[in-house]
PDB file of N, CA and C in Angstrom:
ATOM      1  N   UNK A   1      22.453   2.618 -15.542  1.00  0.00           N
ATOM      2  CA  UNK A   1      22.604   1.179 -15.494  1.00  0.00           C
ATOM      3  C   UNK A   1      23.698   0.775 -14.506  1.00  0.00           C
ATOM      4  N   UNK A   2      24.771   1.578 -14.438  1.00  0.00           N
ATOM      5  CA  UNK A   2      25.839   1.245 -13.492  1.00  0.00           C
ATOM      6  C   UNK A   2      25.316   1.260 -12.063  1.00  0.00           C
ATOM      7  N   UNK A   3      24.531   2.304 -11.754  1.00  0.00           N
ATOM      8  CA  UNK A   3      23.957   2.400 -10.407  1.00  0.00           C
ATOM      9  C   UNK A   3      23.028   1.224 -10.140  1.00  0.00           C
ATOM     10  N   UNK A   4      22.226   0.842 -11.130  1.00  0.00           N
ATOM     11  CA  UNK A   4      21.289  -0.267 -10.971  1.00  0.00           C
ATOM     12  C   UNK A   4      22.024  -1.565 -10.693  1.00  0.00           C
ATOM     13  N   UNK A   5      23.089  -1.815 -11.420  1.00  0.00           N
ATOM     14  CA  UNK A   5      23.863  -3.039 -11.199  1.00  0.00           C
ATOM     15  C   UNK A   5      24.535  -3.031  -9.826  1.00  0.00           C
ATOM     16  N   UNK A   6      25.066  -1.900  -9.441  1.00  0.00           N
ATOM     17  CA  UNK A   6      25.754  -1.805  -8.152  1.00  0.00           C
ATOM     18  C   UNK A   6      24.779  -1.933  -6.986  1.00  0.00           C
ATOM     19  N   UNK A   7      23.625  -1.277  -7.085  1.00  0.00           N
ATOM     20  CA  UNK A   7      22.634  -1.303  -6.015  1.00  0.00           C
ATOM     21  C   UNK A   7      21.844  -2.598  -5.988  1.00  0.00           C
ATOM     22  N   UNK A   8      21.646  -3.195  -7.161  1.00  0.00           N
ATOM     23  CA  UNK A   8      20.825  -4.394  -7.234  1.00  0.00           C
ATOM     24  C   UNK A   8      19.342  -4.074  -7.184  1.00  0.00           C
ATOM     25  N   UNK A   9      19.013  -2.823  -7.123  1.00  0.00           N
ATOM     26  CA  UNK A   9      17.611  -2.415  -7.044  1.00  0.00           C
ATOM     27  C   UNK A   9      17.454  -1.032  -7.675  1.00  0.00           C
ATOM     28  N   UNK A  10      17.315  -0.988  -8.997  1.00  0.00           N
ATOM     29  CA  UNK A  10      17.167   0.316  -9.641  1.00  0.00           C
ATOM     30  C   UNK A  10      15.881   1.014  -9.215  1.00  0.00           C
ATOM     31  N   UNK A  11      15.882   2.316  -9.271  1.00  0.00           N
ATOM     32  CA  UNK A  11      14.679   3.062  -8.913  1.00  0.00           C
ATOM     33  C   UNK A  11      14.486   4.231  -9.865  1.00  0.00           C
ATOM     34  N   UNK A  12      13.279   4.697  -9.918  1.00  0.00           N
ATOM     35  CA  UNK A  12      12.971   5.876 -10.724  1.00  0.00           C
ATOM     36  C   UNK A  12      12.134   6.831  -9.886  1.00  0.00           C
ATOM     37  N   UNK A  13      12.421   8.090 -10.016  1.00  0.00           N
ATOM     38  CA  UNK A  13      11.694   9.136  -9.295  1.00  0.00           C
ATOM     39  C   UNK A  13      11.001   9.987 -10.348  1.00  0.00           C
ATOM     40  N   UNK A  14       9.724   9.702 -10.550  1.00  0.00           N
ATOM     41  CA  UNK A  14       8.901  10.386 -11.551  1.00  0.00           C
ATOM     42  C   UNK A  14       9.570  10.407 -12.930  1.00  0.00           C
ATOM     43  N   UNK A  15      10.307   9.332 -13.226  1.00  0.00           N
ATOM     44  CA  UNK A  15      11.037   9.257 -14.488  1.00  0.00           C
ATOM     45  C   UNK A  15      10.155   8.786 -15.631  1.00  0.00           C
ATOM     46  N   UNK A  16       9.407   7.714 -15.399  1.00  0.00           N
ATOM     47  CA  UNK A  16       8.599   7.115 -16.456  1.00  0.00           C
ATOM     48  C   UNK A  16       7.131   7.507 -16.382  1.00  0.00           C
ATOM     49  N   UNK A  17       6.705   7.882 -15.196  1.00  0.00           N
ATOM     50  CA  UNK A  17       5.311   8.279 -15.008  1.00  0.00           C
ATOM     51  C   UNK A  17       5.275   9.409 -13.992  1.00  0.00           C
ATOM     52  N   UNK A  18       4.647  10.494 -14.361  1.00  0.00           N
ATOM     53  CA  UNK A  18       4.558  11.633 -13.453  1.00  0.00           C
ATOM     54  C   UNK A  18       3.768  11.218 -12.207  1.00  0.00           C
ATOM     55  N   UNK A  19       4.200  11.684 -11.082  1.00  0.00           N
ATOM     56  CA  UNK A  19       3.568  11.383  -9.794  1.00  0.00           C
ATOM     57  C   UNK A  19       3.665   9.906  -9.421  1.00  0.00           C
ATOM     58  N   UNK A  20       4.777   9.252  -9.829  1.00  0.00           N
ATOM     59  CA  UNK A  20       4.963   7.843  -9.476  1.00  0.00           C
ATOM     60  C   UNK A  20       6.451   7.568  -9.306  1.00  0.00           C
ATOM     61  N   UNK A  21       6.826   7.086  -8.135  1.00  0.00           N
ATOM     62  CA  UNK A  21       8.189   6.638  -7.871  1.00  0.00           C
ATOM     63  C   UNK A  21       8.162   5.123  -7.753  1.00  0.00           C
ATOM     64  N   UNK A  22       9.236   4.478  -8.176  1.00  0.00           N
ATOM     65  CA  UNK A  22       9.244   3.016  -8.161  1.00  0.00           C
ATOM     66  C   UNK A  22      10.659   2.470  -8.012  1.00  0.00           C
ATOM     67  N   UNK A  23      10.750   1.250  -7.503  1.00  0.00           N
ATOM     68  CA  UNK A  23      12.013   0.531  -7.451  1.00  0.00           C
ATOM     69  C   UNK A  23      11.745  -0.920  -7.811  1.00  0.00           C
ATOM     70  N   UNK A  24      12.781  -1.599  -8.319  1.00  0.00           N
ATOM     71  CA  UNK A  24      12.624  -2.946  -8.851  1.00  0.00           C
ATOM     72  C   UNK A  24      13.829  -3.790  -8.448  1.00  0.00           C
ATOM     73  N   UNK A  25      13.604  -5.106  -8.321  1.00  0.00           N
ATOM     74  CA  UNK A  25      14.703  -6.021  -8.021  1.00  0.00           C
ATOM     75  C   UNK A  25      14.494  -7.308  -8.818  1.00  0.00           C
ATOM     76  N   UNK A  26      15.566  -7.864  -9.379  1.00  0.00           N
ATOM     77  CA  UNK A  26      15.446  -9.069 -10.201  1.00  0.00           C
ATOM     78  C   UNK A  26      15.192 -10.329  -9.377  1.00  0.00           C
ATOM     79  N   UNK A  27      14.431 -11.246  -9.961  1.00  0.00           N
ATOM     80  CA  UNK A  27      14.231 -12.577  -9.408  1.00  0.00           C
ATOM     81  C   UNK A  27      14.969 -13.528 -10.343  1.00  0.00           C
ATOM     82  N   UNK A  28      15.949 -14.256  -9.814  1.00  0.00           N
ATOM     83  CA  UNK A  28      16.805 -15.115 -10.634  1.00  0.00           C
ATOM     84  C   UNK A  28      16.492 -16.590 -10.428  1.00  0.00           C
ATOM     85  N   UNK A  29      16.822 -17.387 -11.456  1.00  0.00           N
ATOM     86  CA  UNK A  29      16.687 -18.844 -11.363  1.00  0.00           C
ATOM     87  C   UNK A  29      18.030 -19.440 -10.966  1.00  0.00           C
ATOM     88  N   UNK A  30      18.072 -20.756 -10.833  1.00  0.00           N
ATOM     89  CA  UNK A  30      19.307 -21.443 -10.460  1.00  0.00           C
ATOM     90  C   UNK A  30      20.420 -21.203 -11.473  1.00  0.00           C
ATOM     91  N   UNK A  31      20.053 -20.965 -12.738  1.00  0.00           N
ATOM     92  CA  UNK A  31      21.057 -20.753 -13.780  1.00  0.00           C
ATOM     93  C   UNK A  31      21.486 -19.288 -13.899  1.00  0.00           C
ATOM     94  N   UNK A  32      20.877 -18.410 -13.111  1.00  0.00           N
ATOM     95  CA  UNK A  32      21.209 -16.994 -13.174  1.00  0.00           C
ATOM     96  C   UNK A  32      20.320 -16.202 -14.111  1.00  0.00           C
ATOM     97  N   UNK A  33      19.410 -16.899 -14.796  1.00  0.00           N
ATOM     98  CA  UNK A  33      18.454 -16.226 -15.683  1.00  0.00           C
ATOM     99  C   UNK A  33      17.518 -15.363 -14.837  1.00  0.00           C
ATOM    100  N   UNK A  34      17.041 -14.270 -15.400  1.00  0.00           N
ATOM    101  CA  UNK A  34      16.142 -13.355 -14.683  1.00  0.00           C
ATOM    102  C   UNK A  34      14.792 -13.338 -15.403  1.00  0.00           C
ATOM    103  N   UNK A  35      13.873 -14.243 -15.007  1.00  0.00           N
ATOM    104  CA  UNK A  35      12.581 -14.316 -15.674  1.00  0.00           C
ATOM    105  C   UNK A  35      11.533 -13.360 -15.109  1.00  0.00           C
ATOM    106  N   UNK A  36      11.847 -12.732 -13.976  1.00  0.00           N
ATOM    107  CA  UNK A  36      10.843 -11.881 -13.325  1.00  0.00           C
ATOM    108  C   UNK A  36      11.535 -10.828 -12.460  1.00  0.00           C
ATOM    109  N   UNK A  37      10.720  -9.904 -11.973  1.00  0.00           N
ATOM    110  CA  UNK A  37      11.217  -8.874 -11.063  1.00  0.00           C
ATOM    111  C   UNK A  37      10.105  -8.495 -10.095  1.00  0.00           C
ATOM    112  N   UNK A  38      10.498  -8.032  -8.942  1.00  0.00           N
ATOM    113  CA  UNK A  38       9.551  -7.476  -7.976  1.00  0.00           C
ATOM    114  C   UNK A  38       9.675  -5.967  -8.038  1.00  0.00           C
ATOM    115  N   UNK A  39       8.584  -5.293  -7.765  1.00  0.00           N
ATOM    116  CA  UNK A  39       8.649  -3.840  -7.743  1.00  0.00           C
ATOM    117  C   UNK A  39       7.730  -3.289  -6.671  1.00  0.00           C
ATOM    118  N   UNK A  40       8.019  -2.083  -6.283  1.00  0.00           N
ATOM    119  CA  UNK A  40       7.163  -1.334  -5.366  1.00  0.00           C
ATOM    120  C   UNK A  40       7.073   0.072  -5.940  1.00  0.00           C
ATOM    121  N   UNK A  41       5.895   0.637  -5.906  1.00  0.00           N
ATOM    122  CA  UNK A  41       5.735   1.993  -6.422  1.00  0.00           C
ATOM    123  C   UNK A  41       4.714   2.741  -5.588  1.00  0.00           C
ATOM    124  N   UNK A  42       4.760   4.034  -5.715  1.00  0.00           N
ATOM    125  CA  UNK A  42       3.805   4.853  -4.986  1.00  0.00           C
ATOM    126  C   UNK A  42       3.949   6.316  -5.359  1.00  0.00           C
ATOM    127  N   UNK A  43       3.016   7.118  -4.897  1.00  0.00           N
ATOM    128  CA  UNK A  43       3.082   8.556  -5.182  1.00  0.00           C
ATOM    129  C   UNK A  43       4.240   9.184  -4.405  1.00  0.00           C
ATOM    130  N   UNK A  44       4.833  10.223  -4.956  1.00  0.00           N
ATOM    131  CA  UNK A  44       5.996  10.856  -4.322  1.00  0.00           C
ATOM    132  C   UNK A  44       5.768  11.348  -2.891  1.00  0.00           C
ATOM    133  N   UNK A  45       4.548  11.692  -2.530  1.00  0.00           N
ATOM    134  CA  UNK A  45       4.337  12.167  -1.162  1.00  0.00           C
ATOM    135  C   UNK A  45       4.388  11.022  -0.154  1.00  0.00           C
ATOM    136  N   UNK A  46       4.265   9.770  -0.612  1.00  0.00           N
ATOM    137  CA  UNK A  46       4.404   8.612   0.286  1.00  0.00           C
ATOM    138  C   UNK A  46       5.744   7.916   0.103  1.00  0.00           C
ATOM    139  N   UNK A  47       6.136   7.744  -1.147  1.00  0.00           N
ATOM    140  CA  UNK A  47       7.407   7.102  -1.454  1.00  0.00           C
ATOM    141  C   UNK A  47       8.390   8.200  -1.849  1.00  0.00           C
ATOM    142  N   UNK A  48       8.890   8.871  -0.841  1.00  0.00           N
ATOM    143  CA  UNK A  48       9.778  10.017  -1.050  1.00  0.00           C
ATOM    144  C   UNK A  48      11.195   9.548  -1.387  1.00  0.00           C
ATOM    145  N   UNK A  49      12.013  10.454  -1.875  1.00  0.00           N
ATOM    146  CA  UNK A  49      13.423  10.139  -2.152  1.00  0.00           C
ATOM    147  C   UNK A  49      14.112   9.625  -0.889  1.00  0.00           C
ATOM    148  N   UNK A  50      13.751  10.174   0.230  1.00  0.00           N
ATOM    149  CA  UNK A  50      14.354   9.771   1.506  1.00  0.00           C
ATOM    150  C   UNK A  50      14.037   8.304   1.841  1.00  0.00           C
ATOM    151  N   UNK A  51      12.874   7.815   1.397  1.00  0.00           N
ATOM    152  CA  UNK A  51      12.477   6.435   1.698  1.00  0.00           C
ATOM    153  C   UNK A  51      12.977   5.417   0.683  1.00  0.00           C
ATOM    154  N   UNK A  52      13.548   5.881  -0.433  1.00  0.00           N
ATOM    155  CA  UNK A  52      14.013   4.968  -1.477  1.00  0.00           C
ATOM    156  C   UNK A  52      14.967   3.898  -0.929  1.00  0.00           C
ATOM    157  N   UNK A  53      16.001   4.235  -0.151  1.00  0.00           N
ATOM    158  CA  UNK A  53      16.889   3.179   0.366  1.00  0.00           C
ATOM    159  C   UNK A  53      16.164   2.154   1.236  1.00  0.00           C
ATOM    160  N   UNK A  54      15.267   2.612   2.081  1.00  0.00           N
ATOM    161  CA  UNK A  54      14.512   1.720   2.978  1.00  0.00           C
ATOM    162  C   UNK A  54      13.637   0.752   2.181  1.00  0.00           C
ATOM    163  N   UNK A  55      12.856   1.282   1.253  1.00  0.00           N
ATOM    164  CA  UNK A  55      11.939   0.442   0.480  1.00  0.00           C
ATOM    165  C   UNK A  55      12.721  -0.443  -0.490  1.00  0.00           C
ATOM    166  N   UNK A  56      13.791   0.081  -1.066  1.00  0.00           N
ATOM    167  CA  UNK A  56      14.631  -0.721  -1.963  1.00  0.00           C
ATOM    168  C   UNK A  56      15.195  -1.936  -1.239  1.00  0.00           C
ATOM    169  N   UNK A  57      15.607  -1.764   0.000  1.00  0.00           N
ATOM    170  CA  UNK A  57      16.160  -2.875   0.784  1.00  0.00           C
ATOM    171  C   UNK A  57      15.109  -3.973   0.987  1.00  0.00           C
ATOM    172  N   UNK A  58      13.879  -3.577   1.234  1.00  0.00           N
ATOM    173  CA  UNK A  58      12.795  -4.552   1.428  1.00  0.00           C
ATOM    174  C   UNK A  58      12.506  -5.295   0.117  1.00  0.00           C
ATOM    175  N   UNK A  59      12.430  -4.561  -0.979  1.00  0.00           N
ATOM    176  CA  UNK A  59      12.161  -5.172  -2.292  1.00  0.00           C
ATOM    177  C   UNK A  59      13.298  -6.119  -2.666  1.00  0.00           C
ATOM    178  N   UNK A  60      14.535  -5.671  -2.483  1.00  0.00           N
ATOM    179  CA  UNK A  60      15.700  -6.493  -2.806  1.00  0.00           C
ATOM    180  C   UNK A  60      15.725  -7.769  -1.960  1.00  0.00           C
ATOM    181  N   UNK A  61      15.448  -7.656  -0.670  1.00  0.00           N
ATOM    182  CA  UNK A  61      15.453  -8.821   0.215  1.00  0.00           C
ATOM    183  C   UNK A  61      14.375  -9.821  -0.196  1.00  0.00           C
ATOM    184  N   UNK A  62      13.203  -9.340  -0.555  1.00  0.00           N
ATOM    185  CA  UNK A  62      12.123 -10.231  -0.985  1.00  0.00           C
ATOM    186  C   UNK A  62      12.487 -10.937  -2.293  1.00  0.00           C
ATOM    187  N   UNK A  63      13.074 -10.197  -3.234  1.00  0.00           N
ATOM    188  CA  UNK A  63      13.483 -10.801  -4.512  1.00  0.00           C
ATOM    189  C   UNK A  63      14.575 -11.844  -4.295  1.00  0.00           C
ATOM    190  N   UNK A  64      15.512 -11.560  -3.392  1.00  0.00           N
ATOM    191  CA  UNK A  64      16.574 -12.525  -3.094  1.00  0.00           C
ATOM    192  C   UNK A  64      16.006 -13.786  -2.460  1.00  0.00           C
ATOM    193  N   UNK A  65      15.019 -13.649  -1.594  1.00  0.00           N
ATOM    194  CA  UNK A  65      14.404 -14.804  -0.949  1.00  0.00           C
ATOM    195  C   UNK A  65      13.695 -15.684  -1.990  1.00  0.00           C
ATOM    196  N   UNK A  66      12.968 -15.059  -2.904  1.00  0.00           N
ATOM    197  CA  UNK A  66      12.297 -15.805  -3.966  1.00  0.00           C
ATOM    198  C   UNK A  66      13.339 -16.482  -4.859  1.00  0.00           C
ATOM    199  N   UNK A  67      14.406 -15.762  -5.179  1.00  0.00           N
ATOM    200  CA  UNK A  67      15.471 -16.321  -6.015  1.00  0.00           C
ATOM    201  C   UNK A  67      16.091 -17.547  -5.347  1.00  0.00           C
ATOM    202  N   UNK A  68      16.337 -17.471  -4.058  1.00  0.00           N
ATOM    203  CA  UNK A  68      16.898 -18.615  -3.329  1.00  0.00           C
ATOM    204  C   UNK A  68      15.958 -19.811  -3.383  1.00  0.00           C
ATOM    205  N   UNK A  69      14.680 -19.575  -3.273  1.00  0.00           N
ATOM    206  CA  UNK A  69      13.698 -20.659  -3.366  1.00  0.00           C
ATOM    207  C   UNK A  69      13.682 -21.282  -4.760  1.00  0.00           C
ATOM    208  N   UNK A  70      14.091 -20.503  -5.754  1.00  0.00           N
ATOM    209  CA  UNK A  70      14.167 -21.000  -7.131  1.00  0.00           C
ATOM    210  C   UNK A  70      15.533 -21.620  -7.428  1.00  0.00           C
ATOM    211  N   UNK A  71      16.375 -21.718  -6.394  1.00  0.00           N
ATOM    212  CA  UNK A  71      17.664 -22.379  -6.540  1.00  0.00           C
ATOM    213  C   UNK A  71      18.836 -21.470  -6.842  1.00  0.00           C
ATOM    214  N   UNK A  72      18.625 -20.165  -6.828  1.00  0.00           N
ATOM    215  CA  UNK A  72      19.715 -19.227  -7.100  1.00  0.00           C
ATOM    216  C   UNK A  72      20.338 -18.791  -5.792  1.00  0.00           C
ATOM    217  N   UNK A  73      21.643 -18.877  -5.720  1.00  0.00           N
ATOM    218  CA  UNK A  73      22.357 -18.429  -4.538  1.00  0.00           C
ATOM    219  C   UNK A  73      23.399 -17.415  -4.962  1.00  0.00           C
ATOM    220  N   UNK A  74      23.504 -16.343  -4.209  1.00  0.00           N
ATOM    221  CA  UNK A  74      24.477 -15.290  -4.520  1.00  0.00           C
ATOM    222  C   UNK A  74      25.885 -15.877  -4.484  1.00  0.00           C
ATOM    223  N   UNK A  75      26.656 -15.483  -5.466  1.00  0.00           N
ATOM    224  CA  UNK A  75      28.055 -15.874  -5.476  1.00  0.00           C
ATOM    225  C   UNK A  75      28.854 -14.747  -4.863  1.00  0.00           C
ATOM    226  N   UNK A  76      29.708 -15.096  -3.937  1.00  0.00           N
ATOM    227  CA  UNK A  76      30.561 -14.075  -3.336  1.00  0.00           C
ATOM    228  C   UNK A  76      31.947 -14.176  -3.946  1.00  0.00           C
ATOM    229  N   UNK A  77      32.542 -13.057  -4.198  1.00  0.00           N
ATOM    230  CA  UNK A  77      33.890 -13.045  -4.762  1.00  0.00           C
ATOM    231  C   UNK A  77      34.880 -12.741  -3.649  1.00  0.00           C
ATOM    232  N   UNK A  78      36.011 -13.447  -3.651  1.00  0.00           N
ATOM    233  CA  UNK A  78      37.009 -13.223  -2.600  1.00  0.00           C
ATOM    234  C   UNK A  78      37.667 -11.878  -2.669  1.00  0.00           C
TER     235      UNK A  78
END
């Protein structure tokens, strides 16, 4: 969970389903509620451990864009 919170895009490598890797990113509302998530998954020979950072970045960026459209904006801390 710590890694998921820090990365903003948790992933699993054949953790929940054999022969399936996946990553997920939260979609937030203006109030910070998380009613949905985006995910990408695929077989390990296509979605390899090496590709996890690349695909996670795409999933996270798409979720952030949807969240912004729903009125949620990232808060930056000084």
